[in-house]
């Protein structure tokens, strides 16, 4: 009986890829659920709930480089309390569109969207990186265009470009 080389190569390829594909399909994110817990806490304006997921020596670079890093849990608590005071309760719609992780780092792309207590609607598209020590965030870096944030906080309307950027499906 002649050997069907195509069928043989296809079967061999499937066998070789099988364990890798199975591993890829069953590998569960380990770090992303921590970010989901942080997001849930912040949406509830629970500062201590956010801080439960960071190290005592956290370095939070939340200004995209135009201001010094916030260093330590106490300083992060103060910054979050100031932010909480100007965000209308229940208005937070922080969403993640894409993410990827390795053993110690989680990369993310999303939007931080909320309403200020003064009434302005703010939506800031961003990318970021969380470095972990165990399951606690030890360094948090955020990259965004501060002009978008400043314009929206000043009451300028959302541009069509920003609207398009933030109208994507949420990551699962």
Protein backbone atom coordinates (compact mmCIF):
# COMPACT_ATOMS: atom_id res chain seq x y z
CA UNK A 1 0.00 0.00 0.00
CA UNK A 2 1.52 3.39 -0.98
CA UNK A 3 2.22 5.89 1.78
CA UNK A 4 0.33 9.17 1.48
CA UNK A 5 3.14 11.59 2.32
CA UNK A 6 0.79 14.54 2.80
CA UNK A 7 -1.34 12.67 5.31
CA UNK A 8 1.78 11.43 7.09
CA UNK A 9 3.29 14.94 7.30
CA UNK A 10 0.00 16.43 8.45
CA UNK A 11 -0.37 13.77 11.16
CA UNK A 12 3.26 14.21 12.27
CA UNK A 13 2.80 17.98 12.46
CA UNK A 14 -0.36 17.60 14.50
CA UNK A 15 1.34 15.19 16.89
CA UNK A 16 4.33 17.49 17.28
CA UNK A 17 2.14 20.56 17.85
CA UNK A 18 -0.40 18.75 20.01
CA UNK A 19 1.28 19.16 23.40
CA UNK A 20 2.24 22.77 22.67
CA UNK A 21 -1.27 23.63 21.53
CA UNK A 22 -2.79 21.86 24.50
CA UNK A 23 -0.42 23.71 26.82
CA UNK A 24 -1.27 27.03 25.18
CA UNK A 25 -5.00 26.43 25.49
CA UNK A 26 -4.86 25.32 29.13
CA UNK A 27 -2.25 27.80 30.42
CA UNK A 28 -4.13 30.11 32.73
CA UNK A 29 -3.01 33.68 33.30
CA UNK A 30 -1.46 33.98 36.73
CA UNK A 31 -0.92 37.73 36.96
CA UNK A 32 -3.93 39.12 35.08
CA UNK A 33 -6.38 38.11 37.86
CA UNK A 34 -4.39 40.35 40.23
CA UNK A 35 -4.95 43.28 37.87
CA UNK A 36 -8.66 42.39 37.71
CA UNK A 37 -8.80 42.53 41.53
CA UNK A 38 -7.03 45.92 41.52
CA UNK A 39 -9.50 47.23 38.93
CA UNK A 40 -12.49 45.96 40.93
CA UNK A 41 -11.16 47.62 44.10
CA UNK A 42 -10.50 50.92 42.33
CA UNK A 43 -13.95 50.93 40.68
CA UNK A 44 -15.35 50.66 44.22
CA UNK A 45 -12.95 53.47 45.29
CA UNK A 46 -11.44 51.03 47.80
CA UNK A 47 -7.92 52.39 48.26
CA UNK A 48 -6.92 49.70 50.76
CA UNK A 49 -8.24 47.04 48.36
CA UNK A 50 -5.86 48.35 45.68
CA UNK A 51 -2.95 48.54 48.14
CA UNK A 52 -3.50 44.92 49.20
CA UNK A 53 -2.03 43.93 45.82
CA UNK A 54 1.20 45.96 45.92
CA UNK A 55 4.50 45.59 47.78
CA UNK A 56 5.44 47.97 50.59
CA UNK A 57 8.21 49.37 48.37
CA UNK A 58 6.02 49.80 45.27
CA UNK A 59 7.33 52.18 42.60
CA UNK A 60 4.38 53.70 40.73
CA UNK A 61 5.24 55.64 37.61
CA UNK A 62 1.74 56.95 36.90
CA UNK A 63 2.59 60.15 35.03
CA UNK A 64 4.16 58.80 31.85
CA UNK A 65 7.44 60.36 32.91
CA UNK A 66 6.42 64.00 33.41
CA UNK A 67 6.45 63.74 37.23
CA UNK A 68 8.60 61.75 39.65
CA UNK A 69 7.61 58.20 40.54
CA UNK A 70 5.47 57.59 43.59
CA UNK A 71 7.56 55.43 45.92
CA UNK A 72 6.22 53.26 48.71
CA UNK A 73 2.79 52.13 49.79
CA UNK A 74 2.21 55.17 52.03
CA UNK A 75 2.86 57.58 49.14
CA UNK A 76 0.65 55.51 46.84
CA UNK A 77 -2.12 55.61 49.46
CA UNK A 78 -1.90 59.43 49.56
CA UNK A 79 -2.00 59.67 45.75
CA UNK A 80 -4.98 57.31 45.49
CA UNK A 81 -6.84 59.23 48.21
CA UNK A 82 -6.29 62.49 46.24
CA UNK A 83 -7.53 60.81 43.05
CA UNK A 84 -10.52 59.29 44.82
CA UNK A 85 -11.53 62.73 46.13
CA UNK A 86 -11.99 64.14 42.60
CA UNK A 87 -13.59 61.11 40.91
CA UNK A 88 -17.36 60.85 41.03
CA UNK A 89 -18.30 57.64 42.91
CA UNK A 90 -19.55 54.89 40.61
CA UNK A 91 -18.30 56.59 37.44
CA UNK A 92 -15.11 54.58 36.93
CA UNK A 93 -15.02 52.50 33.74
CA UNK A 94 -11.37 51.35 33.78
CA UNK A 95 -11.06 48.71 31.06
CA UNK A 96 -8.30 46.51 29.66
CA UNK A 97 -8.37 45.73 25.92
CA UNK A 98 -5.27 43.55 25.58
CA UNK A 99 -2.74 42.00 27.92
CA UNK A 100 0.19 39.61 27.89
CA UNK A 101 2.25 38.20 30.69
CA UNK A 102 5.38 36.26 31.41
CA UNK A 103 6.69 34.93 34.69
CA UNK A 104 7.07 38.33 36.42
CA UNK A 105 5.54 40.99 34.18
CA UNK A 106 2.08 41.87 32.90
CA UNK A 107 1.73 44.19 29.91
CA UNK A 108 -1.63 45.86 29.34
CA UNK A 109 -3.43 48.27 27.04
CA UNK A 110 -6.63 49.93 28.10
CA UNK A 111 -8.49 53.07 29.05
CA UNK A 112 -8.93 54.82 32.37
CA UNK A 113 -12.37 56.42 32.06
CA UNK A 114 -14.26 58.31 34.76
CA UNK A 115 -16.21 61.44 35.57
CA UNK A 116 -14.75 64.13 37.81
CA UNK A 117 -16.78 65.50 40.72
CA UNK A 118 -16.80 68.79 38.76
CA UNK A 119 -18.64 67.04 35.92
CA UNK A 120 -15.95 66.53 33.25
CA UNK A 121 -15.84 63.19 31.46
CA UNK A 122 -12.25 61.90 31.16
CA UNK A 123 -11.07 58.94 29.07
CA UNK A 124 -7.33 58.31 28.89
CA UNK A 125 -6.10 55.55 26.53
CA UNK A 126 -2.87 54.05 27.89
CA UNK A 127 -0.45 51.16 27.92
CA UNK A 128 1.31 49.89 31.00
CA UNK A 129 3.50 47.32 32.61
CA UNK A 130 3.25 45.73 36.04
CA UNK A 131 6.28 43.98 37.51
CA UNK A 132 5.48 41.40 40.15
CA UNK A 133 7.25 39.96 43.14
CA UNK A 134 5.22 36.83 43.75
CA UNK A 135 1.63 37.95 43.28
CA UNK A 136 2.22 41.53 44.43
CA UNK A 137 2.94 44.44 42.12
CA UNK A 138 6.38 45.90 42.86
CA UNK A 139 6.63 48.36 39.96
CA UNK A 140 3.80 49.90 37.95
CA UNK A 141 4.52 51.92 34.82
CA UNK A 142 1.88 53.76 32.79
CA UNK A 143 2.32 55.38 29.38
CA UNK A 144 -0.24 57.86 28.04
CA UNK A 145 -0.53 61.25 26.40
CA UNK A 146 -0.95 63.76 29.23
CA UNK A 147 -2.40 66.33 26.80
CA UNK A 148 -5.49 64.14 26.34
CA UNK A 149 -5.98 63.97 30.11
CA UNK A 150 -5.41 67.72 30.58
CA UNK A 151 -7.77 68.65 27.73
CA UNK A 152 -10.57 66.46 29.03
CA UNK A 153 -10.11 67.62 32.63
CA UNK A 154 -10.40 71.18 31.27
CA UNK A 155 -13.78 70.23 29.76
CA UNK A 156 -12.78 69.71 26.12
CA UNK A 157 -14.80 67.00 24.35
CA UNK A 158 -13.43 63.58 23.52
CA UNK A 159 -11.90 63.48 20.06
CA UNK A 160 -13.14 60.97 17.48
CA UNK A 161 -9.65 59.38 17.56
CA UNK A 162 -9.85 58.75 21.32
CA UNK A 163 -13.42 57.48 20.94
CA UNK A 164 -12.24 54.99 18.34
CA UNK A 165 -9.32 53.88 20.52
CA UNK A 166 -11.50 53.18 23.56
CA UNK A 167 -14.42 51.53 21.75
CA UNK A 168 -12.74 48.14 21.55
CA UNK A 169 -13.86 44.91 23.19
CA UNK A 170 -12.70 44.32 26.76
CA UNK A 171 -10.13 41.55 27.33
CA UNK A 172 -11.31 38.27 28.76
